[in-house]
Amino acid sequence: MRFYIYALLTILVVGISFAKPPAPFGLELGKTTEKEFLELVKQKGWRIEKSGYRIIEGDLTNPDVTGYIISGIELDKLDSATFWFYKGTLFKIVYTLRENMDKKTFYLYFDQLKAKYGKPVSYTKPWLANGEAVWRFGNVELSLYCPWVGMRTYIMYVHTTLDRQAEKSDEAYYREYIREKSKKLEAL
């Protein structure tokens, strides 16, 4: 009996959810391939506005991480939608939405996400603070974020394991870049 109470408390405190992770347009983070995504873009009639490797710093990019900025997606107040792939697997989706000073976009999407996914594991009202709501579904985290000072709200879907791997890959490319640059500095 104690084990079951401990397990239940762990789930409540840690915020583990056994609900099915979000899959916008059927895209599953940690599963959908870049090829499958590009087929969906064509099928939906969306447009690729820009694509390329993730910029780490200056002109240094990470060829393991590819991003696509897509237009033509029907979503209220959408400014841009960016889809990120690590070694060909979808790991992050970021919707950038237009916002008002009264933060109506944040509240509109908060209500919709709460109705669909339930109460978030954390919530901060965007009043004299950055607004944020976070839902967790195993390795997938969904967050709604709105800077207190700013005219944008963000909806982010992140496969946390792949996101960490992509960040480590960025760090490895950066270290190698610095190592190569330092070899060229004879004067030091």
Protein backbone atom coordinates (compact mmCIF):
# COMPACT_ATOMS: atom_id res chain seq x y z
CA MET A 1 0.00 0.00 0.00
CA ARG A 2 2.81 2.41 0.86
CA PHE A 3 4.37 1.82 -2.56
CA TYR A 4 1.16 2.86 -4.33
CA ILE A 5 0.85 6.01 -2.22
CA TYR A 6 4.53 6.83 -2.88
CA ALA A 7 4.07 6.24 -6.63
CA LEU A 8 0.97 8.46 -6.71
CA LEU A 9 2.74 11.24 -4.81
CA THR A 10 5.72 10.98 -7.16
CA ILE A 11 3.44 11.35 -10.17
CA LEU A 12 1.72 14.38 -8.63
CA VAL A 13 4.92 16.11 -7.54
CA VAL A 14 7.06 15.36 -10.59
CA GLY A 15 4.22 16.02 -13.00
CA ILE A 16 4.43 12.77 -14.92
CA SER A 17 1.58 12.35 -17.35
CA PHE A 18 0.43 9.11 -18.88
CA ALA A 19 -1.70 10.98 -21.40
CA LYS A 20 -0.79 10.65 -25.05
CA PRO A 21 1.80 13.30 -26.05
CA PRO A 22 0.62 16.11 -28.32
CA ALA A 23 1.09 15.47 -32.04
CA PRO A 24 0.30 18.68 -33.95
CA PHE A 25 -0.87 17.78 -37.48
CA GLY A 26 -0.03 14.15 -36.65
CA LEU A 27 3.66 15.00 -36.17
CA GLU A 28 5.12 13.00 -33.28
CA LEU A 29 8.15 14.45 -31.57
CA GLY A 30 10.91 11.88 -31.27
CA LYS A 31 9.38 9.78 -34.09
CA THR A 32 8.48 11.82 -37.18
CA THR A 33 11.30 11.90 -39.72
CA GLU A 34 12.36 14.88 -41.79
CA LYS A 35 11.18 13.07 -44.93
CA GLU A 36 7.71 12.46 -43.43
CA PHE A 37 7.53 16.12 -42.40
CA LEU A 38 8.43 17.35 -45.90
CA GLU A 39 5.73 15.08 -47.35
CA LEU A 40 3.20 16.65 -44.95
CA VAL A 41 4.31 20.17 -45.94
CA LYS A 42 3.65 19.31 -49.58
CA GLN A 43 0.35 17.56 -48.80
CA LYS A 44 -0.96 20.50 -46.72
CA GLY A 45 0.16 23.10 -49.27
CA TRP A 46 2.41 24.86 -46.74
CA ARG A 47 5.48 26.76 -47.88
CA ILE A 48 9.06 26.48 -46.69
CA GLU A 49 10.12 30.09 -46.18
CA LYS A 50 13.59 29.31 -44.91
CA SER A 51 15.58 26.22 -43.98
CA GLY A 52 19.08 25.33 -42.90
CA TYR A 53 21.35 24.16 -40.15
CA ARG A 54 21.05 25.63 -36.65
CA ILE A 55 23.41 28.55 -36.09
CA ILE A 56 25.55 28.03 -33.00
CA GLU A 57 27.50 31.29 -33.13
CA GLY A 58 28.39 33.69 -35.94
CA ASP A 59 28.92 31.57 -39.05
CA LEU A 60 29.26 28.29 -37.12
CA THR A 61 26.38 25.88 -37.76
CA ASN A 62 25.47 22.40 -36.58
CA PRO A 63 24.78 20.02 -39.51
CA ASP A 64 23.10 17.59 -37.07
CA VAL A 65 20.28 20.11 -36.44
CA THR A 66 18.08 21.30 -39.31
CA GLY A 67 15.26 23.83 -39.07
CA TYR A 68 12.37 24.80 -41.33
CA ILE A 69 10.33 28.00 -41.08
CA ILE A 70 6.92 27.23 -42.54
CA SER A 71 4.13 29.52 -43.71
CA GLY A 72 0.57 28.71 -44.69
CA ILE A 73 -0.41 27.04 -41.41
CA GLU A 74 -3.90 28.00 -40.25
CA LEU A 75 -3.50 29.08 -36.64
CA ASP A 76 -4.90 32.26 -35.07
CA LYS A 77 -2.31 35.05 -34.66
CA LEU A 78 0.52 32.89 -36.04
CA ASP A 79 3.60 34.87 -37.11
CA SER A 80 5.89 31.91 -37.75
CA ALA A 81 6.19 28.17 -37.23
CA THR A 82 9.62 26.55 -36.93
CA PHE A 83 10.20 22.80 -36.98
CA TRP A 84 13.55 21.42 -35.76
CA PHE A 85 15.14 18.03 -36.51
CA TYR A 86 18.07 16.37 -34.81
CA LYS A 87 19.75 13.82 -37.07
CA GLY A 88 16.56 13.64 -39.12
CA THR A 89 14.07 13.24 -36.24
CA LEU A 90 11.59 15.95 -35.17
CA PHE A 91 12.49 17.24 -31.71
CA LYS A 92 11.06 20.75 -31.46
CA ILE A 93 8.18 22.83 -32.81
CA VAL A 94 7.95 26.55 -32.04
CA TYR A 95 4.91 28.67 -32.91
CA THR A 96 5.48 32.42 -32.59
CA LEU A 97 2.20 34.30 -32.11
CA ARG A 98 1.34 37.99 -32.21
CA GLU A 99 0.48 39.34 -28.76
CA ASN A 100 -1.22 42.42 -27.29
CA MET A 101 -0.25 44.34 -24.18
CA ASP A 102 -3.22 42.76 -22.38
CA LYS A 103 -1.83 39.26 -23.16
CA LYS A 104 -5.11 38.07 -24.74
CA THR A 105 -3.29 35.64 -27.05
CA PHE A 106 -1.64 33.95 -24.06
CA TYR A 107 -4.97 33.55 -22.27
CA LEU A 108 -6.76 32.37 -25.44
CA TYR A 109 -4.23 29.60 -26.05
CA PHE A 110 -3.92 28.77 -22.36
CA ASP A 111 -7.66 28.09 -22.20
CA GLN A 112 -7.53 25.94 -25.34
CA LEU A 113 -4.49 23.94 -24.22
CA LYS A 114 -5.94 23.45 -20.73
CA ALA A 115 -9.22 22.20 -22.23
CA LYS A 116 -7.33 19.74 -24.43
CA TYR A 117 -4.55 18.56 -22.05
CA GLY A 118 -5.83 19.36 -18.58
CA LYS A 119 -4.24 21.40 -15.84
CA PRO A 120 -0.56 22.24 -16.48
CA VAL A 121 2.16 21.03 -14.10
CA SER A 122 3.23 24.65 -13.64
CA TYR A 123 1.62 28.02 -14.34
CA THR A 124 2.69 31.65 -13.97
CA LYS A 125 0.22 34.36 -14.90
CA PRO A 126 1.69 37.03 -17.24
CA TRP A 127 1.17 39.86 -14.80
CA LEU A 128 4.35 41.66 -13.69
CA ALA A 129 6.15 38.45 -14.64
CA ASN A 130 6.76 36.30 -17.68
CA GLY A 131 3.72 34.10 -18.28
CA GLU A 132 4.30 30.39 -18.63
CA ALA A 133 2.29 27.19 -18.56
CA VAL A 134 3.98 23.78 -18.87
CA TRP A 135 2.51 20.34 -19.56
CA ARG A 136 4.63 17.16 -19.54
CA PHE A 137 3.97 13.91 -21.40
CA GLY A 138 6.90 11.59 -20.74
CA ASN A 139 9.76 12.88 -22.94
CA VAL A 140 7.60 15.58 -24.52
CA GLU A 141 7.10 18.97 -22.91
CA LEU A 142 4.53 21.49 -24.12
CA SER A 143 4.96 25.07 -22.97
CA LEU A 144 3.11 28.31 -23.52
CA TYR A 145 5.39 31.27 -22.87
CA CYS A 146 4.82 35.02 -22.95
CA PRO A 147 7.42 37.58 -21.87
CA TRP A 148 5.86 40.23 -19.63
CA VAL A 149 7.47 42.92 -21.78
CA GLY A 150 6.99 41.95 -25.39
CA MET A 151 4.53 41.50 -28.20
CA ARG A 152 4.93 37.74 -28.80
CA THR A 153 3.64 34.54 -27.26
CA TYR A 154 5.29 31.18 -27.96
CA ILE A 155 3.92 27.66 -28.02
CA MET A 156 6.75 25.13 -27.86
CA TYR A 157 6.66 21.37 -28.18
CA VAL A 158 10.00 19.81 -27.17
CA HIS A 159 11.22 16.22 -27.04
CA THR A 160 13.44 16.80 -24.01
CA THR A 161 15.85 13.90 -24.59
CA LEU A 162 16.55 14.81 -28.22
CA ASP A 163 16.76 18.50 -27.29
CA ARG A 164 19.55 17.72 -24.79
CA GLN A 165 21.34 15.61 -27.42
CA ALA A 166 21.09 18.47 -29.93
CA GLU A 167 22.51 20.90 -27.35
CA LYS A 168 25.41 18.51 -26.65
CA SER A 169 26.00 18.28 -30.38
CA ASP A 170 26.12 22.11 -30.56
CA GLU A 171 28.69 22.13 -27.75
CA ALA A 172 30.82 19.49 -29.50
CA TYR A 173 30.84 21.45 -32.77
CA TYR A 174 31.70 24.63 -30.88
CA ARG A 175 34.60 22.96 -29.01
CA GLU A 176 35.97 21.60 -32.29
CA TYR A 177 35.62 25.04 -33.90
CA ILE A 178 37.55 26.67 -31.03
CA ARG A 179 40.20 23.94 -31.15
CA GLU A 180 40.73 24.54 -34.90
CA LYS A 181 40.77 28.33 -34.46
CA SER A 182 43.32 28.12 -31.64
CA LYS A 183 45.70 26.10 -33.86
CA LYS A 184 45.85 29.10 -36.20
CA LEU A 185 46.92 31.54 -33.46
CA GLU A 186 50.69 31.33 -33.59
CA ALA A 187 51.15 34.62 -31.78
CA LEU A 188 49.52 33.42 -28.57
